[in-house]
C-alpha atoms as a PDB file:
ATOM      1  CA  UNK A   1     -42.960   9.304  11.276  1.00  0.00           C
ATOM      2  CA  UNK A   2     -41.462   6.657   9.469  1.00  0.00           C
ATOM      3  CA  UNK A   3     -38.040   5.582  11.116  1.00  0.00           C
ATOM      4  CA  UNK A   4     -35.021   5.896   8.925  1.00  0.00           C
ATOM      5  CA  UNK A   5     -37.050   8.506   6.713  1.00  0.00           C
ATOM      6  CA  UNK A   6     -36.191  12.099   6.785  1.00  0.00           C
ATOM      7  CA  UNK A   7     -38.384  15.018   5.217  1.00  0.00           C
ATOM      8  CA  UNK A   8     -38.009  19.061   5.230  1.00  0.00           C
ATOM      9  CA  UNK A   9     -40.531  18.807   8.273  1.00  0.00           C
ATOM     10  CA  UNK A  10     -38.994  16.560  10.223  1.00  0.00           C
ATOM     11  CA  UNK A  11     -35.241  18.081   9.761  1.00  0.00           C
ATOM     12  CA  UNK A  12     -36.381  21.133  10.698  1.00  0.00           C
ATOM     13  CA  UNK A  13     -37.958  20.222  13.620  1.00  0.00           C
ATOM     14  CA  UNK A  14     -34.654  18.462  14.658  1.00  0.00           C
ATOM     15  CA  UNK A  15     -32.460  21.470  14.008  1.00  0.00           C
ATOM     16  CA  UNK A  16     -34.542  23.506  16.527  1.00  0.00           C
ATOM     17  CA  UNK A  17     -34.657  21.168  19.210  1.00  0.00           C
ATOM     18  CA  UNK A  18     -30.577  21.462  18.633  1.00  0.00           C
ATOM     19  CA  UNK A  19     -30.730  24.553  18.972  1.00  0.00           C
ATOM     20  CA  UNK A  20     -30.114  26.262  15.813  1.00  0.00           C
ATOM     21  CA  UNK A  21     -30.928  29.514  16.408  1.00  0.00           C
ATOM     22  CA  UNK A  22     -33.349  31.872  13.967  1.00  0.00           C
ATOM     23  CA  UNK A  23     -31.257  34.950  12.386  1.00  0.00           C
ATOM     24  CA  UNK A  24     -27.837  33.523  12.659  1.00  0.00           C
ATOM     25  CA  UNK A  25     -24.976  33.356  10.375  1.00  0.00           C
ATOM     26  CA  UNK A  26     -24.116  29.469  10.224  1.00  0.00           C
ATOM     27  CA  UNK A  27     -21.573  27.450   8.755  1.00  0.00           C
ATOM     28  CA  UNK A  28     -22.595  24.073   7.855  1.00  0.00           C
ATOM     29  CA  UNK A  29     -20.747  21.010   6.923  1.00  0.00           C
ATOM     30  CA  UNK A  30     -22.227  17.784   6.322  1.00  0.00           C
ATOM     31  CA  UNK A  31     -22.293  14.063   5.257  1.00  0.00           C
ATOM     32  CA  UNK A  32     -25.581  13.275   3.514  1.00  0.00           C
ATOM     33  CA  UNK A  33     -25.289   9.708   3.824  1.00  0.00           C
ATOM     34  CA  UNK A  34     -25.074  10.110   7.543  1.00  0.00           C
ATOM     35  CA  UNK A  35     -28.746  11.479   8.070  1.00  0.00           C
ATOM     36  CA  UNK A  36     -30.455   8.169   6.499  1.00  0.00           C
ATOM     37  CA  UNK A  37     -32.850   8.323   3.807  1.00  0.00           C
ATOM     38  CA  UNK A  38     -33.823  12.077   3.058  1.00  0.00           C
ATOM     39  CA  UNK A  39     -36.785  12.353   1.130  1.00  0.00           C
ATOM     40  CA  UNK A  40     -35.873  15.136  -1.785  1.00  0.00           C
ATOM     41  CA  UNK A  41     -31.820  14.842  -1.317  1.00  0.00           C
ATOM     42  CA  UNK A  42     -29.857  17.544  -0.726  1.00  0.00           C
ATOM     43  CA  UNK A  43     -32.302  20.307  -1.475  1.00  0.00           C
ATOM     44  CA  UNK A  44     -34.542  19.155   1.103  1.00  0.00           C
ATOM     45  CA  UNK A  45     -31.772  19.725   3.817  1.00  0.00           C
ATOM     46  CA  UNK A  46     -30.599  23.162   2.333  1.00  0.00           C
ATOM     47  CA  UNK A  47     -34.544  23.971   2.531  1.00  0.00           C
ATOM     48  CA  UNK A  48     -35.039  22.893   6.128  1.00  0.00           C
ATOM     49  CA  UNK A  49     -31.820  24.827   7.077  1.00  0.00           C
ATOM     50  CA  UNK A  50     -33.322  27.884   5.346  1.00  0.00           C
ATOM     51  CA  UNK A  51     -36.541  27.657   7.039  1.00  0.00           C
ATOM     52  CA  UNK A  52     -35.192  27.138  10.470  1.00  0.00           C
ATOM     53  CA  UNK A  53     -32.427  30.313   9.934  1.00  0.00           C
ATOM     54  CA  UNK A  54     -35.574  32.414   8.672  1.00  0.00           C
ATOM     55  CA  UNK A  55     -35.127  35.423   6.371  1.00  0.00           C
ATOM     56  CA  UNK A  56     -32.564  37.046   8.828  1.00  0.00           C
ATOM     57  CA  UNK A  57     -30.431  34.193   8.772  1.00  0.00           C
ATOM     58  CA  UNK A  58     -27.419  33.722   6.224  1.00  0.00           C
ATOM     59  CA  UNK A  59     -26.500  29.989   5.421  1.00  0.00           C
ATOM     60  CA  UNK A  60     -22.678  29.207   4.480  1.00  0.00           C
ATOM     61  CA  UNK A  61     -20.977  26.081   3.175  1.00  0.00           C
ATOM     62  CA  UNK A  62     -17.347  25.552   2.487  1.00  0.00           C
ATOM     63  CA  UNK A  63     -17.399  25.032  -1.441  1.00  0.00           C
ATOM     64  CA  UNK A  64     -13.610  24.163  -2.052  1.00  0.00           C
ATOM     65  CA  UNK A  65     -11.969  22.854  -5.131  1.00  0.00           C
ATOM     66  CA  UNK A  66      -8.712  21.551  -4.239  1.00  0.00           C
ATOM     67  CA  UNK A  67      -8.123  19.951  -7.505  1.00  0.00           C
ATOM     68  CA  UNK A  68      -7.729  23.578  -8.909  1.00  0.00           C
ATOM     69  CA  UNK A  69      -4.009  23.411  -7.946  1.00  0.00           C
ATOM     70  CA  UNK A  70      -0.821  22.344  -9.225  1.00  0.00           C
ATOM     71  CA  UNK A  71      -0.633  18.474 -10.118  1.00  0.00           C
ATOM     72  CA  UNK A  72       2.906  18.009  -8.629  1.00  0.00           C
ATOM     73  CA  UNK A  73       1.376  18.076  -5.177  1.00  0.00           C
ATOM     74  CA  UNK A  74      -1.651  15.877  -6.064  1.00  0.00           C
ATOM     75  CA  UNK A  75      -1.626  12.460  -3.949  1.00  0.00           C
ATOM     76  CA  UNK A  76      -5.511  11.244  -4.068  1.00  0.00           C
ATOM     77  CA  UNK A  77      -4.715  10.307  -6.920  1.00  0.00           C
ATOM     78  CA  UNK A  78      -1.624  11.242  -8.066  1.00  0.00           C
ATOM     79  CA  UNK A  79      -0.908  11.743 -11.968  1.00  0.00           C
ATOM     80  CA  UNK A  80       2.457  10.891 -13.967  1.00  0.00           C
ATOM     81  CA  UNK A  81       4.995  13.772 -13.550  1.00  0.00           C
ATOM     82  CA  UNK A  82       5.101  14.149 -17.441  1.00  0.00           C
ATOM     83  CA  UNK A  83       1.913  15.188 -17.267  1.00  0.00           C
ATOM     84  CA  UNK A  84       2.279  18.012 -15.036  1.00  0.00           C
ATOM     85  CA  UNK A  85       2.867  20.649 -17.129  1.00  0.00           C
ATOM     86  CA  UNK A  86       0.414  20.142 -19.678  1.00  0.00           C
ATOM     87  CA  UNK A  87      -2.506  19.774 -17.003  1.00  0.00           C
ATOM     88  CA  UNK A  88      -0.995  23.155 -15.464  1.00  0.00           C
ATOM     89  CA  UNK A  89      -1.331  24.248 -19.457  1.00  0.00           C
ATOM     90  CA  UNK A  90      -5.126  22.938 -19.980  1.00  0.00           C
ATOM     91  CA  UNK A  91      -6.613  23.100 -16.555  1.00  0.00           C
ATOM     92  CA  UNK A  92     -10.008  25.711 -16.997  1.00  0.00           C
ATOM     93  CA  UNK A  93      -9.771  28.873 -14.703  1.00  0.00           C
ATOM     94  CA  UNK A  94     -11.850  28.975 -11.308  1.00  0.00           C
ATOM     95  CA  UNK A  95     -15.192  30.317 -12.144  1.00  0.00           C
ATOM     96  CA  UNK A  96     -17.362  30.736  -9.016  1.00  0.00           C
ATOM     97  CA  UNK A  97     -20.454  29.946 -11.411  1.00  0.00           C
ATOM     98  CA  UNK A  98     -19.267  26.423 -12.966  1.00  0.00           C
ATOM     99  CA  UNK A  99     -16.298  25.000 -11.290  1.00  0.00           C
ATOM    100  CA  UNK A 100     -17.608  22.228  -9.175  1.00  0.00           C
ATOM    101  CA  UNK A 101     -16.562  21.276  -5.351  1.00  0.00           C
ATOM    102  CA  UNK A 102     -14.346  18.529  -4.877  1.00  0.00           C
ATOM    103  CA  UNK A 103     -14.650  16.070  -1.366  1.00  0.00           C
ATOM    104  CA  UNK A 104     -16.938  18.732  -0.261  1.00  0.00           C
ATOM    105  CA  UNK A 105     -20.072  16.527  -0.742  1.00  0.00           C
ATOM    106  CA  UNK A 106     -23.607  16.589  -2.196  1.00  0.00           C
ATOM    107  CA  UNK A 107     -25.335  19.400   0.033  1.00  0.00           C
ATOM    108  CA  UNK A 108     -22.220  21.812  -0.540  1.00  0.00           C
ATOM    109  CA  UNK A 109     -21.905  20.979  -4.225  1.00  0.00           C
ATOM    110  CA  UNK A 110     -25.999  21.188  -4.623  1.00  0.00           C
ATOM    111  CA  UNK A 111     -25.914  24.700  -2.164  1.00  0.00           C
ATOM    112  CA  UNK A 112     -23.286  26.191  -5.136  1.00  0.00           C
ATOM    113  CA  UNK A 113     -25.725  26.009  -7.751  1.00  0.00           C
ATOM    114  CA  UNK A 114     -29.012  27.222  -5.905  1.00  0.00           C
ATOM    115  CA  UNK A 115     -30.979  30.912  -6.488  1.00  0.00           C
ATOM    116  CA  UNK A 116     -29.479  33.626  -4.421  1.00  0.00           C
ATOM    117  CA  UNK A 117     -26.087  32.055  -3.501  1.00  0.00           C
ATOM    118  CA  UNK A 118     -22.990  33.778  -3.733  1.00  0.00           C
ATOM    119  CA  UNK A 119     -19.297  32.444  -3.948  1.00  0.00           C
ATOM    120  CA  UNK A 120     -16.296  33.921  -3.279  1.00  0.00           C
ATOM    121  CA  UNK A 121     -13.510  34.051  -5.660  1.00  0.00           C
ATOM    122  CA  UNK A 122     -10.849  32.080  -4.138  1.00  0.00           C
ATOM    123  CA  UNK A 123     -10.167  29.146  -6.824  1.00  0.00           C
ATOM    124  CA  UNK A 124      -9.455  26.442  -3.901  1.00  0.00           C
ATOM    125  CA  UNK A 125     -10.759  27.331  -0.799  1.00  0.00           C
ATOM    126  CA  UNK A 126     -13.986  28.847  -1.663  1.00  0.00           C
ATOM    127  CA  UNK A 127     -17.556  29.703   0.178  1.00  0.00           C
ATOM    128  CA  UNK A 128     -20.846  30.008  -0.683  1.00  0.00           C
ATOM    129  CA  UNK A 129     -23.105  32.015   1.131  1.00  0.00           C
ATOM    130  CA  UNK A 130     -27.040  32.774   0.995  1.00  0.00           C
ATOM    131  CA  UNK A 131     -28.916  35.303   3.111  1.00  0.00           C
ATOM    132  CA  UNK A 132     -28.376  38.908   4.253  1.00  0.00           C
ATOM    133  CA  UNK A 133     -24.745  38.567   5.360  1.00  0.00           C
ATOM    134  CA  UNK A 134     -23.716  36.700   2.420  1.00  0.00           C
ATOM    135  CA  UNK A 135     -22.171  39.561   0.135  1.00  0.00           C
ATOM    136  CA  UNK A 136     -20.100  40.587   3.290  1.00  0.00           C
ATOM    137  CA  UNK A 137     -18.913  37.033   3.945  1.00  0.00           C
ATOM    138  CA  UNK A 138     -17.714  36.097   0.230  1.00  0.00           C
ATOM    139  CA  UNK A 139     -16.866  39.241  -1.063  1.00  0.00           C
ATOM    140  CA  UNK A 140     -12.912  40.419  -0.908  1.00  0.00           C
ATOM    141  CA  UNK A 141     -11.550  36.962  -0.729  1.00  0.00           C
ATOM    142  CA  UNK A 142      -8.078  37.249  -1.904  1.00  0.00           C
ATOM    143  CA  UNK A 143      -5.969  34.629  -3.499  1.00  0.00           C
ATOM    144  CA  UNK A 144      -3.063  34.692  -0.954  1.00  0.00           C
ATOM    145  CA  UNK A 145      -5.327  34.189   2.278  1.00  0.00           C
ATOM    146  CA  UNK A 146      -7.303  31.404   1.927  1.00  0.00           C
ATOM    147  CA  UNK A 147      -8.574  30.877   5.370  1.00  0.00           C
ATOM    148  CA  UNK A 148      -7.234  33.447   7.096  1.00  0.00           C
ATOM    149  CA  UNK A 149      -8.499  36.798   8.312  1.00  0.00           C
ATOM    150  CA  UNK A 150      -9.424  38.438   5.133  1.00  0.00           C
ATOM    151  CA  UNK A 151     -10.968  35.234   3.845  1.00  0.00           C
ATOM    152  CA  UNK A 152     -15.102  33.854   4.634  1.00  0.00           C
ATOM    153  CA  UNK A 153     -13.730  32.205   7.615  1.00  0.00           C
ATOM    154  CA  UNK A 154     -13.053  35.898   9.070  1.00  0.00           C
ATOM    155  CA  UNK A 155     -15.980  37.322   8.573  1.00  0.00           C
ATOM    156  CA  UNK A 156     -17.831  34.472  10.314  1.00  0.00           C
ATOM    157  CA  UNK A 157     -15.690  35.436  13.269  1.00  0.00           C
ATOM    158  CA  UNK A 158     -16.616  39.296  13.200  1.00  0.00           C
ATOM    159  CA  UNK A 159     -20.246  38.091  12.535  1.00  0.00           C
ATOM    160  CA  UNK A 160     -20.183  35.731  15.877  1.00  0.00           C
ATOM    161  CA  UNK A 161     -21.425  32.648  13.457  1.00  0.00           C
ATOM    162  CA  UNK A 162     -22.350  29.552  14.095  1.00  0.00           C
ATOM    163  CA  UNK A 163     -20.864  25.991  13.419  1.00  0.00           C
ATOM    164  CA  UNK A 164     -22.977  22.959  12.683  1.00  0.00           C
ATOM    165  CA  UNK A 165     -21.222  19.438  11.998  1.00  0.00           C
ATOM    166  CA  UNK A 166     -23.829  17.070  10.606  1.00  0.00           C
ATOM    167  CA  UNK A 167     -22.659  13.224  10.697  1.00  0.00           C
ATOM    168  CA  UNK A 168     -19.129  14.818  10.467  1.00  0.00           C
ATOM    169  CA  UNK A 169     -16.298  15.288  13.106  1.00  0.00           C
ATOM    170  CA  UNK A 170     -14.079  18.079  13.811  1.00  0.00           C
ATOM    171  CA  UNK A 171     -11.849  16.928  11.409  1.00  0.00           C
ATOM    172  CA  UNK A 172     -14.024  18.520   8.802  1.00  0.00           C
ATOM    173  CA  UNK A 173     -14.586  21.808  10.615  1.00  0.00           C
ATOM    174  CA  UNK A 174     -12.850  24.276   8.408  1.00  0.00           C
ATOM    175  CA  UNK A 175     -13.620  26.879  10.955  1.00  0.00           C
ATOM    176  CA  UNK A 176     -10.351  25.769  12.824  1.00  0.00           C
ATOM    177  CA  UNK A 177      -7.985  26.684  10.227  1.00  0.00           C
ATOM    178  CA  UNK A 178      -8.565  30.508  11.222  1.00  0.00           C
ATOM    179  CA  UNK A 179      -7.040  29.597  14.330  1.00  0.00           C
ATOM    180  CA  UNK A 180      -4.407  28.118  12.462  1.00  0.00           C
ATOM    181  CA  UNK A 181      -3.457  31.376  10.935  1.00  0.00           C
ATOM    182  CA  UNK A 182      -4.138  32.851  14.369  1.00  0.00           C
ATOM    183  CA  UNK A 183      -1.528  30.765  16.322  1.00  0.00           C
ATOM    184  CA  UNK A 184       2.468  30.803  16.761  1.00  0.00           C
ATOM    185  CA  UNK A 185       3.749  27.441  16.849  1.00  0.00           C
ATOM    186  CA  UNK A 186       7.287  25.994  15.363  1.00  0.00           C
ATOM    187  CA  UNK A 187       6.279  24.732  12.688  1.00  0.00           C
ATOM    188  CA  UNK A 188       4.139  27.219  11.051  1.00  0.00           C
ATOM    189  CA  UNK A 189       5.212  28.174   7.774  1.00  0.00           C
ATOM    190  CA  UNK A 190       4.027  29.394   4.272  1.00  0.00           C
ATOM    191  CA  UNK A 191       4.124  27.534   1.054  1.00  0.00           C
ATOM    192  CA  UNK A 192       3.824  28.469  -2.531  1.00  0.00           C
ATOM    193  CA  UNK A 193       0.236  27.325  -4.179  1.00  0.00           C
ATOM    194  CA  UNK A 194      -0.473  27.479  -7.974  1.00  0.00           C
ATOM    195  CA  UNK A 195      -3.930  27.933  -9.587  1.00  0.00           C
ATOM    196  CA  UNK A 196      -5.551  29.034 -12.863  1.00  0.00           C
ATOM    197  CA  UNK A 197      -7.507  32.199 -12.485  1.00  0.00           C
ATOM    198  CA  UNK A 198      -8.768  34.841 -14.798  1.00  0.00           C
ATOM    199  CA  UNK A 199      -7.457  38.478 -14.306  1.00  0.00           C
ATOM    200  CA  UNK A 200      -8.751  40.773 -16.591  1.00  0.00           C
ATOM    201  CA  UNK A 201     -10.192  38.622 -19.169  1.00  0.00           C
ATOM    202  CA  UNK A 202      -7.157  36.496 -19.458  1.00  0.00           C
ATOM    203  CA  UNK A 203      -6.102  33.138 -17.903  1.00  0.00           C
ATOM    204  CA  UNK A 204      -3.521  32.995 -15.639  1.00  0.00           C
ATOM    205  CA  UNK A 205      -1.679  30.395 -13.712  1.00  0.00           C
ATOM    206  CA  UNK A 206      -1.470  32.240 -10.446  1.00  0.00           C
ATOM    207  CA  UNK A 207       0.879  31.542  -7.746  1.00  0.00           C
ATOM    208  CA  UNK A 208       0.367  32.906  -4.173  1.00  0.00           C
ATOM    209  CA  UNK A 209       2.588  32.362  -0.947  1.00  0.00           C
ATOM    210  CA  UNK A 210      -0.146  31.359   1.813  1.00  0.00           C
ATOM    211  CA  UNK A 211       0.152  29.066   5.146  1.00  0.00           C
ATOM    212  CA  UNK A 212       0.722  25.562   4.618  1.00  0.00           C
ATOM    213  CA  UNK A 213      -2.234  24.594   6.227  1.00  0.00           C
ATOM    214  CA  UNK A 214      -2.684  20.877   8.180  1.00  0.00           C
ATOM    215  CA  UNK A 215      -5.632  19.237   9.681  1.00  0.00           C
ATOM    216  CA  UNK A 216      -4.336  16.376  11.069  1.00  0.00           C
ATOM    217  CA  UNK A 217      -4.703  16.826  14.755  1.00  0.00           C
ATOM    218  CA  UNK A 218      -8.312  18.932  14.062  1.00  0.00           C
ATOM    219  CA  UNK A 219      -9.792  15.983  15.675  1.00  0.00           C
ATOM    220  CA  UNK A 220      -7.943  15.758  19.066  1.00  0.00           C
ATOM    221  CA  UNK A 221      -8.856  19.472  19.378  1.00  0.00           C
ATOM    222  CA  UNK A 222     -12.374  18.703  18.733  1.00  0.00           C
ATOM    223  CA  UNK A 223     -12.397  16.130  21.422  1.00  0.00           C
ATOM    224  CA  UNK A 224     -10.671  18.292  23.965  1.00  0.00           C
ATOM    225  CA  UNK A 225     -12.856  21.270  22.815  1.00  0.00           C
ATOM    226  CA  UNK A 226     -15.711  18.889  23.900  1.00  0.00           C
ATOM    227  CA  UNK A 227     -14.544  18.890  27.377  1.00  0.00           C
ATOM    228  CA  UNK A 228     -15.462  22.363  27.678  1.00  0.00           C
ATOM    229  CA  UNK A 229     -18.592  22.828  29.383  1.00  0.00           C
ATOM    230  CA  UNK A 230     -21.583  24.227  27.582  1.00  0.00           C
ATOM    231  CA  UNK A 231     -19.328  24.611  24.523  1.00  0.00           C
ATOM    232  CA  UNK A 232     -20.868  22.148  22.273  1.00  0.00           C
ATOM    233  CA  UNK A 233     -24.480  21.353  21.651  1.00  0.00           C
ATOM    234  CA  UNK A 234     -24.550  17.313  20.410  1.00  0.00           C
ATOM    235  CA  UNK A 235     -27.794  15.479  19.496  1.00  0.00           C
ATOM    236  CA  UNK A 236     -29.197  13.808  16.422  1.00  0.00           C
ATOM    237  CA  UNK A 237     -30.733  15.427  13.115  1.00  0.00           C
ATOM    238  CA  UNK A 238     -32.412  12.543  11.157  1.00  0.00           C
ATOM    239  CA  UNK A 239     -30.142   9.440  11.777  1.00  0.00           C
ATOM    240  CA  UNK A 240     -26.831  11.790  11.937  1.00  0.00           C
ATOM    241  CA  UNK A 241     -25.021  12.798  14.812  1.00  0.00           C
ATOM    242  CA  UNK A 242     -24.887  16.565  15.224  1.00  0.00           C
ATOM    243  CA  UNK A 243     -22.595  18.924  16.664  1.00  0.00           C
ATOM    244  CA  UNK A 244     -23.691  22.887  17.301  1.00  0.00           C
ATOM    245  CA  UNK A 245     -21.013  25.632  18.576  1.00  0.00           C
ATOM    246  CA  UNK A 246     -20.546  29.254  18.193  1.00  0.00           C
ATOM    247  CA  UNK A 247     -17.431  30.207  15.939  1.00  0.00           C
ATOM    248  CA  UNK A 248     -15.960  32.590  18.246  1.00  0.00           C
ATOM    249  CA  UNK A 249     -15.093  30.666  21.209  1.00  0.00           C
ATOM    250  CA  UNK A 250     -14.250  27.587  19.479  1.00  0.00           C
ATOM    251  CA  UNK A 251     -11.497  29.549  17.485  1.00  0.00           C
ATOM    252  CA  UNK A 252     -10.055  31.166  20.529  1.00  0.00           C
ATOM    253  CA  UNK A 253      -9.943  28.064  22.151  1.00  0.00           C
ATOM    254  CA  UNK A 254      -8.150  26.458  19.477  1.00  0.00           C
ATOM    255  CA  UNK A 255      -5.687  28.981  18.803  1.00  0.00           C
ATOM    256  CA  UNK A 256      -4.398  28.004  22.305  1.00  0.00           C
ATOM    257  CA  UNK A 257      -4.626  24.818  21.809  1.00  0.00           C
ATOM    258  CA  UNK A 258      -2.591  24.910  18.692  1.00  0.00           C
ATOM    259  CA  UNK A 259       0.187  26.750  20.630  1.00  0.00           C
ATOM    260  CA  UNK A 260       0.250  24.214  23.512  1.00  0.00           C
ATOM    261  CA  UNK A 261       0.334  21.183  21.364  1.00  0.00           C
ATOM    262  CA  UNK A 262       1.904  21.886  18.003  1.00  0.00           C
ATOM    263  CA  UNK A 263       5.548  21.764  17.234  1.00  0.00           C
END
């Protein structure tokens, strides 16, 4: 095998060696560039993950589209204030089959378009899944529960799912948001979120009251969690550092950690 070159076959071997279990529900966060040169690009990695999980496994990726939101809150980049009303009025409504991801990476963007993939109906924090548990994971994703109990994250927790971080850290680990919903801490609050959605065949600017989530301490949380013996398997997939862990103990730990550390 040529050093720095990854193929479907080499990715399968690396994922098996890391411990990715056949038949699992697996939520994957990845940076394709961290893997080195992948022959076949995103579809090759998706094929490798699918092969390792086998016919009884379900592959899941976050497919967020945070740009379907109120432009008044945009800062990466901001837009002129006098554009806000026009943007709200003209922004196309969320369509699971069409709306692209934003800042989710090339693999998640590719995965959402693959045959057999189902995507949840939340306009900003959707998830996509393929496999026997896909419909259970993505169906019934209410607009006022982006990443809480009634979201795909809640279903993944119920399913005793696994989380795989490929070339990314815990700051990208969306499973930790479920812990935010469960934890009690002084600064916890809800805010209003607006997005364009289709209701009854008509476009609406829909506003909901939901958790003001915050990932600014997730990296520190992850470092502390990795000190727990046997909780996180760290290895390599191609050129990327990879982390594999069960979701339930991660979220349970994160609830306690957030309650102890957030003010």
